[in-house]
Amino acid sequence: MPAVRHTAGAALGAALLLALTSCTSVSPSPTPADPSASASASRAKLGLPAHWDELKKWKLADWDGWAKKHLLQNPVVRDRWNPDKMKAATPQEPAPPTAAPVPVSPTVPGAPTPTATQPGPVRAVPVNRPYTAYPASGKVFTSAPDGKTGQCSATVIADPAHPGRSNLVWTAGHCVHQGKGGSWYKNIIFVPAYNSSGAASAGKHATLDQVAPLGEWWAEKAITSPQWTAEGDDHGSGAANQYDFAVLRVHNPDSPGKSLEETIGAAVPVWFDAPREKLSVSAWGYPALAPFDGQELDRCDGGHPTPLSYDAARPAMLTIGCTMTAGASGGGWFAAMPDGRQALVSNTSVGTTDHTSLSGPYLESVAKQALDYLSKQ
């Protein structure tokens, strides 16, 4: 369950072309996108349409029928997580990072298509403590079938069907679901404002109340994109990255009846179909690979994102310059809406091997339908 998956990149002069987070308005180079007959047959077995465009026509009943084939089984396990186990949960990467990305020709199937001059690195800076001042940001912890534990970043989002009482958390699909041929991870919890006071930093021992000042919230329902369940992999190497998001419905067994939003006092709206050319993005997360340690909340004010496509038939990802490492995956990307409110416009999905940029999915109709469905459950 990698937390920022590294992907190979191509160079344009000295600039990296394969990155993970910025956006501009340049037309992507076309890559093959039409599904083969075998892919269509595989989708049919999963209860999915032969062509992804047909998802736009799905009604609530269609989402319900598909979601019931992918139910989350995540019973509360008392004392499963403690400060030491949370600190020991490490992002799992498909391969160690290298000094520079491996050049990949855009003509190679599955290789991302650079669509503009990619951004230079933007240095991640620490968010001021206490993190309870920004309680919508936090960490997700999970267990894999082999028992390994993982960590990612996540954001509390507004619930359209329950304003003021949201129990919804937004993260990356790869943080909580194995992708193609796999299932949901286990023991999924969300910890808002993780390590708010810094009690667990620099090798210090901390209590559970110190690392989870706003409680441990267990996932009880979840939804990700059909594209991720059908095509996703650990390597950040395919078009499923363009739909790498997930939404969790959580609850706190120690505080029944009180919603997450009521408890922490915050929830961020999601801005779907946000105008790319007008966005100025800030990405937040808990990077865990050196020089970071997963105990600090950091941010990259990456400015205007540029587009990145693996499949030109799908919405291009947003890419920004950012030096955050694995562990930041799933963390929210925020931008100001016309009314001035901060909204979530993406989440960290993949990053370059030399940690110069991040990319996240562009949130449009499929993401909105997924959120609307879970909101009504």
Protein backbone atom coordinates (compact mmCIF):
# COMPACT_ATOMS: atom_id res chain seq x y z
CA MET A 1 0.00 0.00 0.00
CA PRO A 2 2.43 2.65 -1.20
CA ALA A 3 1.88 6.16 -0.04
CA VAL A 4 3.43 8.09 -2.90
CA ARG A 5 4.13 5.71 -5.74
CA HIS A 6 7.09 6.63 -7.88
CA THR A 7 6.78 6.60 -11.61
CA ALA A 8 9.35 6.98 -14.33
CA GLY A 9 9.73 10.28 -16.15
CA ALA A 10 10.95 11.67 -19.44
CA ALA A 11 13.14 14.77 -19.67
CA LEU A 12 12.42 17.96 -21.54
CA GLY A 13 15.81 19.70 -21.51
CA ALA A 14 16.74 19.73 -17.84
CA ALA A 15 13.11 19.62 -16.70
CA LEU A 16 11.32 16.50 -15.56
CA LEU A 17 8.33 15.56 -17.66
CA LEU A 18 7.00 12.73 -15.57
CA ALA A 19 5.87 14.15 -12.26
CA LEU A 20 2.96 14.17 -9.98
CA THR A 21 1.33 17.56 -9.31
CA SER A 22 0.94 20.80 -11.43
CA CYS A 23 -1.32 22.00 -14.24
CA THR A 24 -1.36 24.15 -17.38
CA SER A 25 -3.50 24.29 -20.48
CA VAL A 26 -1.59 22.32 -23.11
CA SER A 27 -3.21 19.59 -25.17
CA PRO A 28 -2.03 16.09 -24.21
CA SER A 29 -0.39 13.84 -26.75
CA PRO A 30 -2.74 11.00 -27.68
CA THR A 31 -2.09 7.50 -26.38
CA PRO A 32 -4.09 4.35 -27.09
CA ALA A 33 -7.18 4.29 -24.91
CA ASP A 34 -9.85 2.12 -26.51
CA PRO A 35 -10.30 -1.03 -24.40
CA SER A 36 -9.62 -4.37 -26.01
CA ALA A 37 -12.25 -7.07 -26.27
CA SER A 38 -10.60 -8.94 -23.41
CA ALA A 39 -10.61 -5.84 -21.23
CA SER A 40 -14.28 -5.30 -22.01
CA ALA A 41 -15.04 -8.88 -21.05
CA SER A 42 -13.11 -8.50 -17.81
CA ARG A 43 -15.06 -5.37 -16.96
CA ALA A 44 -18.34 -7.13 -17.66
CA LYS A 45 -17.43 -9.78 -15.08
CA LEU A 46 -16.89 -6.99 -12.57
CA GLY A 47 -20.25 -5.43 -13.36
CA LEU A 48 -18.60 -2.52 -15.19
CA PRO A 49 -19.38 -0.95 -18.57
CA ALA A 50 -17.29 -1.85 -21.62
CA HIS A 51 -16.38 1.81 -22.10
CA TRP A 52 -15.56 4.11 -19.20
CA ASP A 53 -17.56 6.96 -20.71
CA GLU A 54 -20.70 5.00 -19.89
CA LEU A 55 -20.06 5.65 -16.18
CA LYS A 56 -21.34 9.17 -16.73
CA LYS A 57 -24.78 7.65 -17.33
CA TRP A 58 -24.80 5.59 -14.13
CA LYS A 59 -27.64 6.23 -11.73
CA LEU A 60 -27.64 5.64 -7.98
CA ALA A 61 -28.91 2.08 -8.53
CA ASP A 62 -25.96 1.33 -10.84
CA TRP A 63 -23.47 2.55 -8.26
CA ASP A 64 -25.27 0.58 -5.58
CA GLY A 65 -25.16 -2.65 -7.58
CA TRP A 66 -21.47 -2.25 -8.28
CA ALA A 67 -20.53 -1.13 -4.76
CA LYS A 68 -22.23 -4.14 -3.19
CA LYS A 69 -19.73 -6.33 -5.02
CA HIS A 70 -16.89 -4.40 -3.34
CA LEU A 71 -18.05 -4.07 0.25
CA LEU A 72 -15.56 -3.01 2.88
CA GLN A 73 -15.13 -5.45 5.78
CA ASN A 74 -13.45 -3.46 8.52
CA PRO A 75 -14.61 -4.48 12.01
CA VAL A 76 -13.30 -2.47 14.96
CA VAL A 77 -10.37 -4.23 16.61
CA ARG A 78 -9.71 -2.73 20.03
CA ASP A 79 -6.08 -1.84 20.72
CA ARG A 80 -5.10 -2.68 17.11
CA TRP A 81 -3.44 0.71 16.82
CA ASN A 82 -1.24 2.46 19.37
CA PRO A 83 1.40 5.20 19.04
CA ASP A 84 4.23 2.73 18.42
CA LYS A 85 2.32 0.84 15.72
CA MET A 86 1.30 4.07 14.04
CA LYS A 87 4.88 5.30 14.01
CA ALA A 88 6.13 1.95 12.68
CA ALA A 89 3.66 1.93 9.76
CA THR A 90 5.84 2.69 6.74
CA PRO A 91 4.91 3.57 3.17
CA GLN A 92 5.56 0.59 0.93
CA GLU A 93 7.05 1.45 -2.43
CA PRO A 94 7.43 -0.79 -5.47
CA ALA A 95 11.13 0.16 -5.72
CA PRO A 96 13.59 2.38 -3.87
CA PRO A 97 13.76 5.95 -5.14
CA THR A 98 16.64 6.82 -7.45
CA ALA A 99 18.53 10.05 -7.91
CA ALA A 100 16.65 10.78 -11.13
CA PRO A 101 13.64 9.30 -12.92
CA VAL A 102 14.15 6.59 -15.52
CA PRO A 103 13.49 8.02 -18.99
CA VAL A 104 10.39 6.51 -20.59
CA SER A 105 9.30 7.09 -24.16
CA PRO A 106 5.76 8.48 -24.41
CA THR A 107 5.12 5.85 -27.08
CA VAL A 108 5.53 3.00 -24.58
CA PRO A 109 2.08 1.64 -23.62
CA GLY A 110 1.19 2.77 -20.14
CA ALA A 111 3.81 5.52 -20.05
CA PRO A 112 2.47 8.94 -19.07
CA THR A 113 2.35 11.59 -21.74
CA PRO A 114 4.03 14.84 -20.68
CA THR A 115 1.73 17.61 -21.86
CA ALA A 116 3.64 20.73 -20.89
CA THR A 117 6.90 21.91 -19.39
CA GLN A 118 6.75 20.35 -15.96
CA PRO A 119 7.23 22.39 -12.78
CA GLY A 120 10.47 22.68 -10.90
CA PRO A 121 10.69 21.43 -7.31
CA VAL A 122 8.87 23.39 -4.64
CA ARG A 123 10.28 22.88 -1.17
CA ALA A 124 7.83 21.36 1.32
CA VAL A 125 7.51 23.43 4.47
CA PRO A 126 6.22 22.36 7.89
CA VAL A 127 2.74 23.40 8.94
CA ASN A 128 2.72 25.28 12.23
CA ARG A 129 1.59 23.37 15.29
CA PRO A 130 -0.79 22.57 16.84
CA TYR A 131 -2.40 20.68 13.97
CA THR A 132 -5.73 20.83 15.77
CA ALA A 133 -5.88 24.32 14.20
CA TYR A 134 -6.21 22.49 10.84
CA PRO A 135 -8.13 19.39 11.99
CA ALA A 136 -9.42 18.37 8.56
CA SER A 137 -5.96 17.00 7.68
CA GLY A 138 -4.81 13.71 9.17
CA LYS A 139 -3.44 10.25 8.55
CA VAL A 140 -4.93 6.93 7.42
CA PHE A 141 -3.48 3.68 8.76
CA THR A 142 -4.10 0.26 7.20
CA SER A 143 -3.10 -3.40 7.34
CA ALA A 144 -2.31 -5.47 4.24
CA PRO A 145 -3.23 -9.15 3.89
CA ASP A 146 0.39 -10.08 4.68
CA GLY A 147 0.17 -8.16 7.96
CA LYS A 148 2.30 -5.19 6.90
CA THR A 149 1.00 -1.85 8.04
CA GLY A 150 0.81 1.25 5.91
CA GLN A 151 0.20 4.94 6.27
CA CYS A 152 -1.19 7.68 4.04
CA SER A 153 -2.60 11.17 4.37
CA ALA A 154 -6.26 12.17 4.15
CA THR A 155 -8.80 15.00 4.53
CA VAL A 156 -12.20 15.38 6.20
CA ILE A 157 -14.65 16.53 3.52
CA ALA A 158 -18.16 17.97 3.66
CA ASP A 159 -21.04 15.52 3.29
CA PRO A 160 -23.62 16.80 0.75
CA ALA A 161 -26.44 14.81 2.35
CA HIS A 162 -25.50 15.66 5.96
CA PRO A 163 -24.30 19.27 6.13
CA GLY A 164 -22.54 20.04 9.38
CA ARG A 165 -22.43 16.36 10.36
CA SER A 166 -19.94 14.79 7.97
CA ASN A 167 -18.25 11.47 8.65
CA LEU A 168 -16.52 11.41 5.26
CA VAL A 169 -12.77 11.26 4.61
CA TRP A 170 -11.06 11.69 1.22
CA THR A 171 -7.82 9.90 0.35
CA ALA A 172 -6.13 8.09 -2.55
CA GLY A 173 -7.58 4.84 -3.87
CA HIS A 174 -4.22 3.07 -3.60
CA CYS A 175 -4.06 3.96 0.09
CA VAL A 176 -7.04 1.77 0.98
CA HIS A 177 -7.63 -0.62 -1.96
CA GLN A 178 -5.19 -2.99 -3.68
CA GLY A 179 -6.48 -2.25 -7.16
CA LYS A 180 -6.84 -4.80 -9.95
CA GLY A 181 -7.48 -8.30 -8.61
CA GLY A 182 -7.35 -7.09 -5.02
CA SER A 183 -9.64 -5.86 -2.29
CA TRP A 184 -9.83 -3.33 0.52
CA TYR A 185 -7.09 -3.23 3.12
CA LYS A 186 -7.98 -4.05 6.73
CA ASN A 187 -7.97 -2.20 10.04
CA ILE A 188 -8.48 1.13 8.27
CA ILE A 189 -8.58 4.09 10.63
CA PHE A 190 -8.35 7.85 10.21
CA VAL A 191 -6.56 10.01 12.78
CA PRO A 192 -7.34 13.73 12.38
CA ALA A 193 -4.57 16.16 13.35
CA TYR A 194 -2.15 13.26 13.92
CA ASN A 195 0.73 14.18 16.27
CA SER A 196 -0.67 17.67 16.66
CA SER A 197 1.61 18.71 19.50
CA GLY A 198 4.75 16.99 18.21
CA ALA A 199 4.83 14.57 21.14
CA ALA A 200 5.81 11.66 18.84
CA SER A 201 8.50 13.58 16.94
CA ALA A 202 12.26 13.07 17.09
CA GLY A 203 12.04 9.58 18.55
CA LYS A 204 10.01 10.64 21.56
CA HIS A 205 7.50 8.29 23.15
CA ALA A 206 3.93 9.59 23.09
CA THR A 207 0.59 8.52 24.48
CA LEU A 208 -2.41 7.69 22.32
CA ASP A 209 -4.14 10.89 23.40
CA GLN A 210 -1.13 12.86 22.22
CA VAL A 211 -0.87 11.32 18.73
CA ALA A 212 -4.65 11.06 18.26
CA PRO A 213 -5.99 14.11 20.12
CA LEU A 214 -9.29 13.97 18.21
CA GLY A 215 -9.73 10.21 18.36
CA GLU A 216 -9.38 7.15 16.13
CA TRP A 217 -12.07 6.91 13.45
CA TRP A 218 -12.72 3.48 11.96
CA ALA A 219 -13.85 3.16 8.35
CA GLU A 220 -17.22 1.43 8.04
CA LYS A 221 -17.99 2.08 4.36
CA ALA A 222 -15.81 2.99 1.41
CA ILE A 223 -15.98 3.78 -2.28
CA THR A 224 -13.25 4.19 -4.88
CA SER A 225 -13.41 4.58 -8.63
CA PRO A 226 -14.39 1.61 -10.79
CA GLN A 227 -11.26 2.39 -12.82
CA TRP A 228 -9.04 1.87 -9.79
CA THR A 229 -10.59 -1.48 -8.84
CA ALA A 230 -10.30 -2.74 -12.43
CA GLU A 231 -6.88 -1.38 -13.39
CA GLY A 232 -4.97 -0.07 -10.36
CA ASP A 233 -1.51 -1.31 -9.45
CA ASP A 234 1.29 -0.61 -6.97
CA HIS A 235 3.68 0.87 -9.47
CA GLY A 236 2.05 4.13 -10.48
CA SER A 237 2.41 2.98 -14.06
CA GLY A 238 -1.00 3.26 -15.66
CA ALA A 239 -4.08 5.26 -16.51
CA ALA A 240 -5.83 4.15 -13.31
CA ASN A 241 -3.80 6.87 -11.58
CA GLN A 242 -6.09 9.37 -13.26
CA TYR A 243 -8.90 8.00 -11.04
CA ASP A 244 -6.83 7.30 -7.92
CA PHE A 245 -9.20 8.53 -5.19
CA ALA A 246 -11.36 7.03 -2.45
CA VAL A 247 -13.94 8.17 0.08
CA LEU A 248 -14.39 6.60 3.53
CA ARG A 249 -17.32 6.83 5.89
CA VAL A 250 -15.92 6.62 9.42
CA HIS A 251 -17.16 6.41 13.00
CA ASN A 252 -15.62 6.62 16.44
CA PRO A 253 -16.70 3.67 18.62
CA ASP A 254 -15.75 5.68 21.70
CA SER A 255 -17.98 8.60 20.74
CA PRO A 256 -21.20 7.20 19.28
CA GLY A 257 -23.74 9.66 17.98
CA LYS A 258 -21.30 12.51 17.37
CA SER A 259 -20.06 13.05 13.84
CA LEU A 260 -16.45 13.58 12.82
CA GLU A 261 -17.19 17.12 11.64
CA GLU A 262 -18.93 17.99 14.91
CA THR A 263 -15.99 16.57 16.85
CA ILE A 264 -13.19 18.38 15.03
CA GLY A 265 -15.13 21.46 13.94
CA ALA A 266 -14.19 21.31 10.26
CA ALA A 267 -14.93 19.70 6.89
CA VAL A 268 -13.67 20.84 3.49
CA PRO A 269 -15.99 21.05 0.47
CA VAL A 270 -14.95 19.22 -2.71
CA TRP A 271 -14.76 21.34 -5.86
CA PHE A 272 -15.52 19.16 -8.86
CA ASP A 273 -14.69 20.29 -12.41
CA ALA A 274 -12.65 23.15 -10.99
CA PRO A 275 -11.27 25.44 -13.73
CA ARG A 276 -7.69 24.25 -14.21
CA GLU A 277 -6.43 27.53 -15.59
CA LYS A 278 -7.58 29.45 -12.51
CA LEU A 279 -6.29 27.12 -9.80
CA SER A 280 -3.48 27.94 -7.40
CA VAL A 281 -2.92 24.74 -5.43
CA SER A 282 -1.49 23.89 -2.02
CA ALA A 283 -0.84 20.19 -1.28
CA TRP A 284 -0.80 18.94 2.32
CA GLY A 285 0.41 15.63 3.72
CA TYR A 286 2.58 13.63 6.08
CA PRO A 287 5.65 12.58 4.03
CA ALA A 288 7.47 9.65 5.61
CA LEU A 289 10.62 8.93 3.60
CA ALA A 290 13.84 10.81 4.33
CA PRO A 291 14.37 13.62 4.90
CA PHE A 292 10.89 13.37 6.44
CA ASP A 293 9.76 10.93 9.13
CA GLY A 294 5.96 10.79 8.85
CA GLN A 295 5.46 12.65 12.11
CA GLU A 296 5.11 16.14 10.66
CA LEU A 297 2.38 17.75 8.57
CA ASP A 298 3.92 19.53 5.59
CA ARG A 299 2.64 21.57 2.67
CA CYS A 300 3.75 22.59 -0.81
CA ASP A 301 2.32 25.77 -2.24
CA GLY A 302 2.77 24.58 -5.80
CA GLY A 303 0.95 27.33 -7.62
CA HIS A 304 -0.73 26.66 -10.96
CA PRO A 305 -0.81 22.94 -11.82
CA THR A 306 0.16 21.52 -15.21
CA PRO A 307 -1.53 18.51 -16.87
CA LEU A 308 -0.16 14.96 -17.05
CA SER A 309 -1.84 12.09 -18.94
CA TYR A 310 -1.37 8.35 -19.10
CA ASP A 311 -4.46 8.08 -21.29
CA ALA A 312 -5.46 11.13 -23.31
CA ALA A 313 -9.09 9.97 -23.35
CA ARG A 314 -9.31 10.51 -19.60
CA PRO A 315 -9.09 13.77 -17.63
CA ALA A 316 -5.43 14.76 -17.33
CA MET A 317 -3.97 14.71 -13.84
CA LEU A 318 -2.86 17.86 -12.04
CA THR A 319 0.89 18.19 -11.41
CA ILE A 320 2.74 20.59 -9.11
CA GLY A 321 6.31 20.97 -7.97
CA CYS A 322 6.75 19.47 -4.49
CA THR A 323 9.51 17.71 -2.53
CA MET A 324 7.20 15.64 -0.32
CA THR A 325 7.90 11.91 -0.33
CA ALA A 326 5.98 8.68 0.29
CA GLY A 327 3.42 9.06 3.05
CA ALA A 328 1.96 12.18 1.45
CA SER A 329 -0.30 10.11 -0.83
CA GLY A 330 -3.97 10.76 -0.27
CA GLY A 331 -3.26 14.19 1.20
CA GLY A 332 -5.56 16.98 0.08
CA TRP A 333 -4.86 19.54 -2.59
CA PHE A 334 -6.61 22.81 -1.79
CA ALA A 335 -7.58 25.87 -3.80
CA ALA A 336 -9.76 28.91 -3.17
CA MET A 337 -13.24 28.84 -4.71
CA PRO A 338 -14.80 32.03 -6.13
CA ASP A 339 -16.46 32.69 -2.76
CA GLY A 340 -13.07 32.53 -1.02
CA ARG A 341 -13.58 29.22 0.76
CA GLN A 342 -10.82 26.62 0.55
CA ALA A 343 -11.90 23.47 -1.26
CA LEU A 344 -10.35 20.10 -2.05
CA VAL A 345 -9.57 19.80 -5.78
CA SER A 346 -7.37 16.67 -5.82
CA ASN A 347 -5.25 14.31 -3.72
CA THR A 348 -1.66 13.17 -4.03
CA SER A 349 -1.42 10.01 -6.11
CA VAL A 350 2.09 9.62 -7.56
CA GLY A 351 5.42 11.42 -7.48
CA THR A 352 8.74 11.45 -9.28
CA THR A 353 11.57 9.24 -8.06
CA ASP A 354 13.74 12.25 -7.30
CA HIS A 355 10.95 13.92 -5.30
CA THR A 356 10.58 17.03 -7.42
CA SER A 357 6.86 16.91 -8.18
CA LEU A 358 3.57 15.23 -7.35
CA SER A 359 0.47 14.45 -9.41
CA GLY A 360 -3.14 13.92 -8.44
CA PRO A 361 -6.41 13.08 -10.23
CA TYR A 362 -8.61 15.77 -11.71
CA LEU A 363 -11.95 15.39 -9.94
CA GLU A 364 -14.90 15.39 -12.33
CA SER A 365 -18.16 13.47 -12.81
CA VAL A 366 -16.99 10.01 -11.71
CA ALA A 367 -15.56 11.38 -8.48
CA LYS A 368 -18.71 13.41 -7.85
CA GLN A 369 -20.95 10.39 -8.43
CA ALA A 370 -18.87 8.31 -6.03
CA LEU A 371 -19.12 10.94 -3.32
CA ASP A 372 -22.87 11.44 -3.89
CA TYR A 373 -23.41 7.70 -3.62
CA LEU A 374 -21.54 7.26 -0.34
CA SER A 375 -23.12 10.41 1.05
CA LYS A 376 -26.55 8.80 0.70
CA GLN A 377 -25.61 5.50 2.35
